[in-house]
Amino acid sequence: MSQEDKKKAANKQTQRVVLCTVGINILNTVLKLAVGVGVSSMALITDGLHSLSDMITDVVVLAGAQIGLKEPDDEHPYGHAWAETFATLFVAITLAVAGCFMIYKAGMSIAMHKVSQIGRLVLTIAGISIFTKEFAFVITKRTAVKLSSSMLYANAWHHRSDALSSIAVAIGAVASMLGFAYGDQIAAIIVGLMIVVVAVRILSESMGQFTARAVDAQTNEQITRIIKSQTQIHDWHKLRTRVVGRELFMDLHILVAPKLNITEAHDIAEALENELHEKIIQPVNIMIHVEPYTKG
């Protein structure tokens, strides 16, 4: 499969899963806000705003994927994969803000001695949200792993954070029905901290792309294994890698028999390129420098 075909196939899968989760987020936003306002549930209204933020990040993810698909141009000769990195940063930041907002609102509620008397309807809506958002997390994460997409991975955890916040709402509803005063708020604080930790981890990983950090150890091992499998390459060195969005950029020097002509040496380099394109899931941009092998 060519690089262009890889990008188009990945974009189609990204669009399919994100459009599905957009529908889930619309459903949850409408249900939570309508019922939350109807029964005066601060927790459910806050959770509805969280679902709304999920829907906004879905749109950002779609935009990032679409921009990343654009062909390289004179101003961006290395392509537009950076758009996915910026989308990942946006999702991570909104995750952190959502987590901090939950902690703040829950803390203020405790400080003001607010006790919400909420019941089964809130518990039902929270249950629907937990089920649908966990489904969104599973399908988004599965696609993210398949496509090696940090942007989709971040968005998957945004869906999981919404499911976790709905768990807090459910716990609060049960606690309220059992007569516990601050069960909802305490659960919200714990979940908010979990969300912030996930956001910081995603933010750290995406920032690594701006510092030209090398690929992970597993991908690096796969690359070296592919190079070693090429019997006409006697040795190699100066392997350098970095990731931008979903795309992997790499360059290396290979050493081949010194008596080969230019065409034969080029064929060896091209065979290595084709193998890397075939075996590595991500789109790969490769620069290979050929040198004569003079040892032995």
C-alpha atoms as a PDB file:
ATOM      1  CA  MET A   1       0.000   0.000   0.000  1.00  0.00           C
ATOM      2  CA  SER A   2       1.390   3.424  -0.968  1.00  0.00           C
ATOM      3  CA  GLN A   3       1.911   6.257   1.512  1.00  0.00           C
ATOM      4  CA  GLU A   4      -1.040   8.144   0.062  1.00  0.00           C
ATOM      5  CA  ASP A   5      -3.298   5.087   0.297  1.00  0.00           C
ATOM      6  CA  LYS A   6      -2.209   4.582   3.933  1.00  0.00           C
ATOM      7  CA  LYS A   7      -3.136   8.146   4.787  1.00  0.00           C
ATOM      8  CA  LYS A   8      -6.506   7.974   3.037  1.00  0.00           C
ATOM      9  CA  ALA A   9      -7.417   4.641   4.660  1.00  0.00           C
ATOM     10  CA  ALA A  10      -6.436   5.973   8.094  1.00  0.00           C
ATOM     11  CA  ASN A  11      -8.430   9.157   7.526  1.00  0.00           C
ATOM     12  CA  LYS A  12     -11.547   7.169   6.591  1.00  0.00           C
ATOM     13  CA  GLN A  13     -11.255   5.046   9.749  1.00  0.00           C
ATOM     14  CA  THR A  14     -10.712   8.177  11.837  1.00  0.00           C
ATOM     15  CA  GLN A  15     -13.765   9.903  10.343  1.00  0.00           C
ATOM     16  CA  ARG A  16     -15.934   6.803  10.845  1.00  0.00           C
ATOM     17  CA  VAL A  17     -15.128   6.397  14.537  1.00  0.00           C
ATOM     18  CA  VAL A  18     -15.276  10.140  15.317  1.00  0.00           C
ATOM     19  CA  LEU A  19     -18.644  10.626  13.592  1.00  0.00           C
ATOM     20  CA  CYS A  20     -19.986   7.741  15.672  1.00  0.00           C
ATOM     21  CA  THR A  21     -18.767   9.355  18.893  1.00  0.00           C
ATOM     22  CA  VAL A  22     -20.169  12.746  17.829  1.00  0.00           C
ATOM     23  CA  GLY A  23     -23.633  11.143  17.794  1.00  0.00           C
ATOM     24  CA  ILE A  24     -23.000   9.669  21.252  1.00  0.00           C
ATOM     25  CA  ASN A  25     -21.892  13.056  22.598  1.00  0.00           C
ATOM     26  CA  ILE A  26     -24.946  14.854  21.165  1.00  0.00           C
ATOM     27  CA  LEU A  27     -27.231  12.316  22.866  1.00  0.00           C
ATOM     28  CA  ASN A  28     -25.455  12.635  26.210  1.00  0.00           C
ATOM     29  CA  THR A  29     -25.237  16.428  26.127  1.00  0.00           C
ATOM     30  CA  VAL A  30     -28.980  16.832  25.468  1.00  0.00           C
ATOM     31  CA  LEU A  31     -30.022  14.236  28.092  1.00  0.00           C
ATOM     32  CA  LYS A  32     -27.712  15.499  30.830  1.00  0.00           C
ATOM     33  CA  LEU A  33     -28.458  19.195  30.409  1.00  0.00           C
ATOM     34  CA  ALA A  34     -32.220  18.703  30.056  1.00  0.00           C
ATOM     35  CA  VAL A  35     -32.539  16.425  33.089  1.00  0.00           C
ATOM     36  CA  GLY A  36     -29.891  18.316  35.087  1.00  0.00           C
ATOM     37  CA  VAL A  37     -31.742  21.613  34.690  1.00  0.00           C
ATOM     38  CA  GLY A  38     -35.087  19.876  35.292  1.00  0.00           C
ATOM     39  CA  VAL A  39     -34.085  18.363  38.654  1.00  0.00           C
ATOM     40  CA  SER A  40     -31.523  21.069  39.618  1.00  0.00           C
ATOM     41  CA  SER A  41     -28.599  18.637  39.675  1.00  0.00           C
ATOM     42  CA  MET A  42     -25.300  20.571  39.626  1.00  0.00           C
ATOM     43  CA  ALA A  43     -23.355  17.353  39.039  1.00  0.00           C
ATOM     44  CA  LEU A  44     -25.415  16.350  36.008  1.00  0.00           C
ATOM     45  CA  ILE A  45     -25.300  19.844  34.477  1.00  0.00           C
ATOM     46  CA  THR A  46     -21.499  19.873  34.890  1.00  0.00           C
ATOM     47  CA  ASP A  47     -21.343  16.410  33.347  1.00  0.00           C
ATOM     48  CA  GLY A  48     -23.461  17.685  30.427  1.00  0.00           C
ATOM     49  CA  LEU A  49     -20.961  20.479  29.817  1.00  0.00           C
ATOM     50  CA  HIS A  50     -18.214  17.837  29.888  1.00  0.00           C
ATOM     51  CA  SER A  51     -20.042  15.912  27.147  1.00  0.00           C
ATOM     52  CA  LEU A  52     -20.350  19.149  25.183  1.00  0.00           C
ATOM     53  CA  SER A  53     -16.573  19.642  25.442  1.00  0.00           C
ATOM     54  CA  ASP A  54     -16.151  16.076  24.146  1.00  0.00           C
ATOM     55  CA  MET A  55     -18.237  16.960  21.100  1.00  0.00           C
ATOM     56  CA  ILE A  56     -16.114  20.051  20.445  1.00  0.00           C
ATOM     57  CA  THR A  57     -12.888  18.021  20.656  1.00  0.00           C
ATOM     58  CA  ASP A  58     -14.386  15.503  18.222  1.00  0.00           C
ATOM     59  CA  VAL A  59     -14.733  18.341  15.714  1.00  0.00           C
ATOM     60  CA  VAL A  60     -11.126  19.384  16.383  1.00  0.00           C
ATOM     61  CA  VAL A  61      -9.952  15.798  15.826  1.00  0.00           C
ATOM     62  CA  LEU A  62     -11.815  15.634  12.503  1.00  0.00           C
ATOM     63  CA  ALA A  63     -10.256  18.934  11.429  1.00  0.00           C
ATOM     64  CA  GLY A  64      -6.772  17.773  12.483  1.00  0.00           C
ATOM     65  CA  ALA A  65      -7.138  14.538  10.527  1.00  0.00           C
ATOM     66  CA  GLN A  66      -8.365  16.398   7.436  1.00  0.00           C
ATOM     67  CA  ILE A  67      -5.537  18.963   7.519  1.00  0.00           C
ATOM     68  CA  GLY A  68      -2.987  16.202   8.106  1.00  0.00           C
ATOM     69  CA  LEU A  69      -4.150  14.533   4.895  1.00  0.00           C
ATOM     70  CA  LYS A  70      -3.144  17.521   2.736  1.00  0.00           C
ATOM     71  CA  GLU A  71      -0.271  17.064   0.314  1.00  0.00           C
ATOM     72  CA  PRO A  72       3.118  18.689   1.074  1.00  0.00           C
ATOM     73  CA  ASP A  73       3.494  22.150  -0.447  1.00  0.00           C
ATOM     74  CA  ASP A  74       6.217  24.789  -0.838  1.00  0.00           C
ATOM     75  CA  GLU A  75       5.627  26.155   2.659  1.00  0.00           C
ATOM     76  CA  HIS A  76       5.250  22.715   4.270  1.00  0.00           C
ATOM     77  CA  PRO A  77       7.566  20.338   2.354  1.00  0.00           C
ATOM     78  CA  TYR A  78       7.311  17.735   5.119  1.00  0.00           C
ATOM     79  CA  GLY A  79       3.521  17.657   4.941  1.00  0.00           C
ATOM     80  CA  HIS A  80       0.830  18.719   7.419  1.00  0.00           C
ATOM     81  CA  ALA A  81       1.002  15.943  10.022  1.00  0.00           C
ATOM     82  CA  TRP A  82       1.722  18.635  12.631  1.00  0.00           C
ATOM     83  CA  ALA A  83      -2.037  19.350  12.609  1.00  0.00           C
ATOM     84  CA  GLU A  84      -2.651  16.057  14.417  1.00  0.00           C
ATOM     85  CA  THR A  85      -0.060  16.992  17.041  1.00  0.00           C
ATOM     86  CA  PHE A  86      -1.792  20.306  17.704  1.00  0.00           C
ATOM     87  CA  ALA A  87      -5.156  18.520  17.893  1.00  0.00           C
ATOM     88  CA  THR A  88      -3.657  16.129  20.465  1.00  0.00           C
ATOM     89  CA  LEU A  89      -2.405  19.077  22.518  1.00  0.00           C
ATOM     90  CA  PHE A  90      -5.849  20.712  22.372  1.00  0.00           C
ATOM     91  CA  VAL A  91      -7.565  17.530  23.571  1.00  0.00           C
ATOM     92  CA  ALA A  92      -5.031  17.062  26.389  1.00  0.00           C
ATOM     93  CA  ILE A  93      -5.452  20.661  27.552  1.00  0.00           C
ATOM     94  CA  THR A  94      -9.264  20.425  27.520  1.00  0.00           C
ATOM     95  CA  LEU A  95      -8.969  17.192  29.517  1.00  0.00           C
ATOM     96  CA  ALA A  96      -6.841  18.958  32.134  1.00  0.00           C
ATOM     97  CA  VAL A  97      -9.242  21.914  32.271  1.00  0.00           C
ATOM     98  CA  ALA A  98     -12.247  19.586  32.627  1.00  0.00           C
ATOM     99  CA  GLY A  99     -10.554  17.670  35.453  1.00  0.00           C
ATOM    100  CA  CYS A 100      -9.556  20.848  37.311  1.00  0.00           C
ATOM    101  CA  PHE A 101     -13.054  22.304  36.831  1.00  0.00           C
ATOM    102  CA  MET A 102     -14.620  19.182  38.365  1.00  0.00           C
ATOM    103  CA  ILE A 103     -12.274  19.374  41.365  1.00  0.00           C
ATOM    104  CA  TYR A 104     -12.975  23.089  41.829  1.00  0.00           C
ATOM    105  CA  LYS A 105     -16.766  22.756  41.600  1.00  0.00           C
ATOM    106  CA  ALA A 106     -16.822  19.784  43.970  1.00  0.00           C
ATOM    107  CA  GLY A 107     -14.563  21.565  46.470  1.00  0.00           C
ATOM    108  CA  MET A 108     -16.660  24.738  46.373  1.00  0.00           C
ATOM    109  CA  SER A 109     -19.825  22.674  46.831  1.00  0.00           C
ATOM    110  CA  ILE A 110     -18.380  21.083  49.993  1.00  0.00           C
ATOM    111  CA  ALA A 111     -17.133  24.450  51.286  1.00  0.00           C
ATOM    112  CA  MET A 112     -20.599  25.968  50.843  1.00  0.00           C
ATOM    113  CA  HIS A 113     -22.222  22.921  52.503  1.00  0.00           C
ATOM    114  CA  LYS A 114     -24.404  22.227  49.481  1.00  0.00           C
ATOM    115  CA  VAL A 115     -26.317  18.966  49.609  1.00  0.00           C
ATOM    116  CA  SER A 116     -28.100  17.848  46.435  1.00  0.00           C
ATOM    117  CA  GLN A 117     -31.225  15.768  46.798  1.00  0.00           C
ATOM    118  CA  ILE A 118     -31.189  13.817  43.546  1.00  0.00           C
ATOM    119  CA  GLY A 119     -32.552  10.408  42.761  1.00  0.00           C
ATOM    120  CA  ARG A 120     -33.287   7.637  40.279  1.00  0.00           C
ATOM    121  CA  LEU A 121     -33.683   9.771  37.144  1.00  0.00           C
ATOM    122  CA  VAL A 122     -30.181  11.201  37.544  1.00  0.00           C
ATOM    123  CA  LEU A 123     -28.866   7.683  38.218  1.00  0.00           C
ATOM    124  CA  THR A 124     -30.530   6.443  35.014  1.00  0.00           C
ATOM    125  CA  ILE A 125     -29.041   9.208  32.866  1.00  0.00           C
ATOM    126  CA  ALA A 126     -25.622   8.603  34.421  1.00  0.00           C
ATOM    127  CA  GLY A 127     -25.960   4.898  33.632  1.00  0.00           C
ATOM    128  CA  ILE A 128     -26.743   5.636  29.968  1.00  0.00           C
ATOM    129  CA  SER A 129     -23.725   7.949  29.806  1.00  0.00           C
ATOM    130  CA  ILE A 130     -21.374   5.407  31.388  1.00  0.00           C
ATOM    131  CA  PHE A 131     -22.388   2.709  28.902  1.00  0.00           C
ATOM    132  CA  THR A 132     -22.287   4.885  25.768  1.00  0.00           C
ATOM    133  CA  LYS A 133     -19.072   6.749  26.670  1.00  0.00           C
ATOM    134  CA  GLU A 134     -17.254   3.545  27.595  1.00  0.00           C
ATOM    135  CA  PHE A 135     -18.289   2.180  24.196  1.00  0.00           C
ATOM    136  CA  ALA A 136     -16.893   5.365  22.600  1.00  0.00           C
ATOM    137  CA  PHE A 137     -13.641   4.892  24.548  1.00  0.00           C
ATOM    138  CA  VAL A 138     -13.230   1.279  23.411  1.00  0.00           C
ATOM    139  CA  ILE A 139     -13.817   1.896  19.690  1.00  0.00           C
ATOM    140  CA  THR A 140     -11.698   5.061  19.647  1.00  0.00           C
ATOM    141  CA  LYS A 141      -8.791   3.506  21.533  1.00  0.00           C
ATOM    142  CA  ARG A 142      -8.891   0.405  19.318  1.00  0.00           C
ATOM    143  CA  THR A 143      -8.661   2.597  16.207  1.00  0.00           C
ATOM    144  CA  ALA A 144      -5.927   4.738  17.798  1.00  0.00           C
ATOM    145  CA  VAL A 145      -3.761   1.689  18.508  1.00  0.00           C
ATOM    146  CA  LYS A 146      -4.387   0.289  15.028  1.00  0.00           C
ATOM    147  CA  LEU A 147      -3.395   3.572  13.356  1.00  0.00           C
ATOM    148  CA  SER A 148      -0.711   4.591  15.896  1.00  0.00           C
ATOM    149  CA  SER A 149      -2.590   7.882  16.319  1.00  0.00           C
ATOM    150  CA  SER A 150      -1.746   9.917  19.428  1.00  0.00           C
ATOM    151  CA  MET A 151      -4.583  12.288  18.506  1.00  0.00           C
ATOM    152  CA  LEU A 152      -7.214   9.524  18.605  1.00  0.00           C
ATOM    153  CA  TYR A 153      -5.630   8.056  21.740  1.00  0.00           C
ATOM    154  CA  ALA A 154      -6.008  11.398  23.511  1.00  0.00           C
ATOM    155  CA  ASN A 155      -9.605  11.651  22.332  1.00  0.00           C
ATOM    156  CA  ALA A 156     -10.303   8.114  23.564  1.00  0.00           C
ATOM    157  CA  TRP A 157      -9.253   9.170  27.047  1.00  0.00           C
ATOM    158  CA  HIS A 158     -11.479  12.211  26.763  1.00  0.00           C
ATOM    159  CA  HIS A 159     -14.386   9.793  26.284  1.00  0.00           C
ATOM    160  CA  ARG A 160     -13.173   7.709  29.249  1.00  0.00           C
ATOM    161  CA  SER A 161     -12.988  10.855  31.392  1.00  0.00           C
ATOM    162  CA  ASP A 162     -16.651  11.566  30.588  1.00  0.00           C
ATOM    163  CA  ALA A 163     -17.565   8.001  31.563  1.00  0.00           C
ATOM    164  CA  LEU A 164     -15.654   8.420  34.828  1.00  0.00           C
ATOM    165  CA  SER A 165     -17.362  11.724  35.585  1.00  0.00           C
ATOM    166  CA  SER A 166     -20.718  10.006  34.998  1.00  0.00           C
ATOM    167  CA  ILE A 167     -19.659   7.338  37.498  1.00  0.00           C
ATOM    168  CA  ALA A 168     -19.108  10.155  39.990  1.00  0.00           C
ATOM    169  CA  VAL A 169     -22.604  11.455  39.239  1.00  0.00           C
ATOM    170  CA  ALA A 170     -24.038   7.954  39.742  1.00  0.00           C
ATOM    171  CA  ILE A 171     -22.198   7.533  43.044  1.00  0.00           C
ATOM    172  CA  GLY A 172     -23.474  10.922  44.141  1.00  0.00           C
ATOM    173  CA  ALA A 173     -27.035   9.972  43.222  1.00  0.00           C
ATOM    174  CA  VAL A 174     -26.804   6.741  45.219  1.00  0.00           C
ATOM    175  CA  ALA A 175     -25.163   8.566  48.132  1.00  0.00           C
ATOM    176  CA  SER A 176     -27.925  11.182  48.061  1.00  0.00           C
ATOM    177  CA  MET A 177     -30.626   8.500  48.137  1.00  0.00           C
ATOM    178  CA  LEU A 178     -28.868   6.837  51.096  1.00  0.00           C
ATOM    179  CA  GLY A 179     -28.580  10.110  52.997  1.00  0.00           C
ATOM    180  CA  PHE A 180     -24.814  10.789  52.607  1.00  0.00           C
ATOM    181  CA  ALA A 181     -24.148  14.502  52.281  1.00  0.00           C
ATOM    182  CA  TYR A 182     -20.974  14.816  50.182  1.00  0.00           C
ATOM    183  CA  GLY A 183     -20.588  11.487  48.380  1.00  0.00           C
ATOM    184  CA  ASP A 184     -21.055  13.130  44.978  1.00  0.00           C
ATOM    185  CA  GLN A 185     -18.427  15.799  45.601  1.00  0.00           C
ATOM    186  CA  ILE A 186     -15.782  13.420  46.984  1.00  0.00           C
ATOM    187  CA  ALA A 187     -16.201  11.053  44.044  1.00  0.00           C
ATOM    188  CA  ALA A 188     -15.953  13.997  41.636  1.00  0.00           C
ATOM    189  CA  ILE A 189     -12.661  15.134  43.201  1.00  0.00           C
ATOM    190  CA  ILE A 190     -11.141  11.646  42.866  1.00  0.00           C
ATOM    191  CA  VAL A 191     -12.233  11.344  39.241  1.00  0.00           C
ATOM    192  CA  GLY A 192     -11.026  14.887  38.488  1.00  0.00           C
ATOM    193  CA  LEU A 193      -7.550  13.985  39.760  1.00  0.00           C
ATOM    194  CA  MET A 194      -7.528  10.864  37.567  1.00  0.00           C
ATOM    195  CA  ILE A 195      -8.436  12.943  34.519  1.00  0.00           C
ATOM    196  CA  VAL A 196      -5.674  15.483  35.209  1.00  0.00           C
ATOM    197  CA  VAL A 197      -3.068  12.697  35.527  1.00  0.00           C
ATOM    198  CA  VAL A 198      -4.139  11.234  32.146  1.00  0.00           C
ATOM    199  CA  ALA A 199      -4.066  14.714  30.559  1.00  0.00           C
ATOM    200  CA  VAL A 200      -0.535  15.384  31.819  1.00  0.00           C
ATOM    201  CA  ARG A 201       0.656  12.037  30.423  1.00  0.00           C
ATOM    202  CA  ILE A 202      -0.862  12.717  26.983  1.00  0.00           C
ATOM    203  CA  LEU A 203       0.497  16.275  27.026  1.00  0.00           C
ATOM    204  CA  SER A 204       3.997  14.988  27.809  1.00  0.00           C
ATOM    205  CA  GLU A 205       3.883  12.451  24.981  1.00  0.00           C
ATOM    206  CA  SER A 206       2.640  14.961  22.398  1.00  0.00           C
ATOM    207  CA  MET A 207       5.192  17.592  23.463  1.00  0.00           C
ATOM    208  CA  GLY A 208       7.884  15.004  22.700  1.00  0.00           C
ATOM    209  CA  GLN A 209       7.054  15.404  19.013  1.00  0.00           C
ATOM    210  CA  PHE A 210       8.069  19.074  19.150  1.00  0.00           C
ATOM    211  CA  THR A 211      11.475  18.066  20.532  1.00  0.00           C
ATOM    212  CA  ALA A 212      12.036  15.547  17.693  1.00  0.00           C
ATOM    213  CA  ARG A 213      11.979  12.618  20.113  1.00  0.00           C
ATOM    214  CA  ALA A 214      12.780   9.226  18.585  1.00  0.00           C
ATOM    215  CA  VAL A 215      10.178   6.498  18.076  1.00  0.00           C
ATOM    216  CA  ASP A 216       9.315   4.167  20.951  1.00  0.00           C
ATOM    217  CA  ALA A 217      11.539   1.165  21.689  1.00  0.00           C
ATOM    218  CA  GLN A 218       9.137  -1.348  20.107  1.00  0.00           C
ATOM    219  CA  THR A 219       8.979   0.521  16.780  1.00  0.00           C
ATOM    220  CA  ASN A 220      12.750   1.061  16.816  1.00  0.00           C
ATOM    221  CA  GLU A 221      13.281  -2.676  17.318  1.00  0.00           C
ATOM    222  CA  GLN A 222      10.925  -3.420  14.408  1.00  0.00           C
ATOM    223  CA  ILE A 223      12.870  -1.037  12.155  1.00  0.00           C
ATOM    224  CA  THR A 224      16.254  -2.591  13.018  1.00  0.00           C
ATOM    225  CA  ARG A 225      14.822  -6.078  12.496  1.00  0.00           C
ATOM    226  CA  ILE A 226      13.654  -5.101   8.997  1.00  0.00           C
ATOM    227  CA  ILE A 227      17.058  -3.602   8.149  1.00  0.00           C
ATOM    228  CA  LYS A 228      18.870  -6.733   9.328  1.00  0.00           C
ATOM    229  CA  SER A 229      16.607  -8.922   7.192  1.00  0.00           C
ATOM    230  CA  GLN A 230      18.000  -7.311   4.014  1.00  0.00           C
ATOM    231  CA  THR A 231      20.849  -9.711   3.143  1.00  0.00           C
ATOM    232  CA  GLN A 232      22.509  -7.331   0.666  1.00  0.00           C
ATOM    233  CA  ILE A 233      23.015  -4.702   3.362  1.00  0.00           C
ATOM    234  CA  HIS A 234      26.332  -5.578   5.006  1.00  0.00           C
ATOM    235  CA  ASP A 235      26.117  -2.954   7.747  1.00  0.00           C
ATOM    236  CA  TRP A 236      24.295   0.255   8.655  1.00  0.00           C
ATOM    237  CA  HIS A 237      24.587   3.237  10.984  1.00  0.00           C
ATOM    238  CA  LYS A 238      23.296   6.747  11.773  1.00  0.00           C
ATOM    239  CA  LEU A 239      19.674   5.645  12.107  1.00  0.00           C
ATOM    240  CA  ARG A 240      17.576   8.632  13.188  1.00  0.00           C
ATOM    241  CA  THR A 241      13.826   8.700  13.738  1.00  0.00           C
ATOM    242  CA  ARG A 242      11.127  11.124  14.814  1.00  0.00           C
ATOM    243  CA  VAL A 243       7.330  11.211  14.765  1.00  0.00           C
ATOM    244  CA  VAL A 244       5.044  14.030  13.640  1.00  0.00           C
ATOM    245  CA  GLY A 245       1.347  13.285  14.078  1.00  0.00           C
ATOM    246  CA  ARG A 246       0.949   9.761  12.723  1.00  0.00           C
ATOM    247  CA  GLU A 247       3.877  10.012  10.312  1.00  0.00           C
ATOM    248  CA  LEU A 248       7.290   8.514  11.005  1.00  0.00           C
ATOM    249  CA  PHE A 249      10.340  10.278   9.580  1.00  0.00           C
ATOM    250  CA  MET A 250      13.640   8.400   9.450  1.00  0.00           C
ATOM    251  CA  ASP A 251      17.033   8.475   7.781  1.00  0.00           C
ATOM    252  CA  LEU A 252      19.990   6.079   7.885  1.00  0.00           C
ATOM    253  CA  HIS A 253      23.193   5.095   6.125  1.00  0.00           C
ATOM    254  CA  ILE A 254      23.486   1.592   4.649  1.00  0.00           C
ATOM    255  CA  LEU A 255      26.712  -0.119   3.549  1.00  0.00           C
ATOM    256  CA  VAL A 256      26.625  -2.317   0.437  1.00  0.00           C
ATOM    257  CA  ALA A 257      29.181  -4.157  -1.719  1.00  0.00           C
ATOM    258  CA  PRO A 258      31.552  -1.526  -3.216  1.00  0.00           C
ATOM    259  CA  LYS A 259      31.575  -3.015  -6.728  1.00  0.00           C
ATOM    260  CA  LEU A 260      27.831  -2.547  -7.276  1.00  0.00           C
ATOM    261  CA  ASN A 261      26.776  -0.023  -9.884  1.00  0.00           C
ATOM    262  CA  ILE A 262      24.457   2.877  -9.063  1.00  0.00           C
ATOM    263  CA  THR A 263      21.326   1.070 -10.250  1.00  0.00           C
ATOM    264  CA  GLU A 264      22.056  -2.043  -8.147  1.00  0.00           C
ATOM    265  CA  ALA A 265      22.757   0.046  -5.039  1.00  0.00           C
ATOM    266  CA  HIS A 266      19.557   2.009  -5.625  1.00  0.00           C
ATOM    267  CA  ASP A 267      17.546  -1.215  -5.946  1.00  0.00           C
ATOM    268  CA  ILE A 268      18.832  -2.370  -2.541  1.00  0.00           C
ATOM    269  CA  ALA A 269      17.818   0.924  -0.938  1.00  0.00           C
ATOM    270  CA  GLU A 270      14.418   0.789  -2.648  1.00  0.00           C
ATOM    271  CA  ALA A 271      13.855  -2.799  -1.475  1.00  0.00           C
ATOM    272  CA  LEU A 272      14.472  -1.649   2.106  1.00  0.00           C
ATOM    273  CA  GLU A 273      12.073   1.268   1.679  1.00  0.00           C
ATOM    274  CA  ASN A 274       9.341  -1.009   0.314  1.00  0.00           C
ATOM    275  CA  GLU A 275       9.787  -3.420   3.215  1.00  0.00           C
ATOM    276  CA  LEU A 276       9.506  -0.602   5.751  1.00  0.00           C
ATOM    277  CA  HIS A 277       6.391   0.775   4.046  1.00  0.00           C
ATOM    278  CA  GLU A 278       4.801  -2.678   4.069  1.00  0.00           C
ATOM    279  CA  LYS A 279       5.656  -3.756   7.628  1.00  0.00           C
ATOM    280  CA  ILE A 280       5.169  -0.495   9.564  1.00  0.00           C
ATOM    281  CA  ILE A 281       1.573   0.630  10.112  1.00  0.00           C
ATOM    282  CA  GLN A 282       2.326   4.344  10.171  1.00  0.00           C
ATOM    283  CA  PRO A 283       3.117   6.313   7.008  1.00  0.00           C
ATOM    284  CA  VAL A 284       6.931   6.274   6.734  1.00  0.00           C
ATOM    285  CA  ASN A 285       9.091   8.992   5.164  1.00  0.00           C
ATOM    286  CA  ILE A 286      12.559   7.556   4.517  1.00  0.00           C
ATOM    287  CA  MET A 287      15.889   9.013   3.436  1.00  0.00           C
ATOM    288  CA  ILE A 288      18.628   6.413   2.799  1.00  0.00           C
ATOM    289  CA  HIS A 289      22.280   7.223   2.147  1.00  0.00           C
ATOM    290  CA  VAL A 290      24.248   4.416   0.433  1.00  0.00           C
ATOM    291  CA  GLU A 291      27.930   3.856   1.251  1.00  0.00           C
ATOM    292  CA  PRO A 292      30.486   1.237   0.107  1.00  0.00           C
ATOM    293  CA  TYR A 293      31.261  -1.570   2.553  1.00  0.00           C
ATOM    294  CA  THR A 294      35.055  -1.831   2.732  1.00  0.00           C
ATOM    295  CA  LYS A 295      35.647  -3.961   5.841  1.00  0.00           C
ATOM    296  CA  GLY A 296      36.844  -7.559   5.485  1.00  0.00           C
END
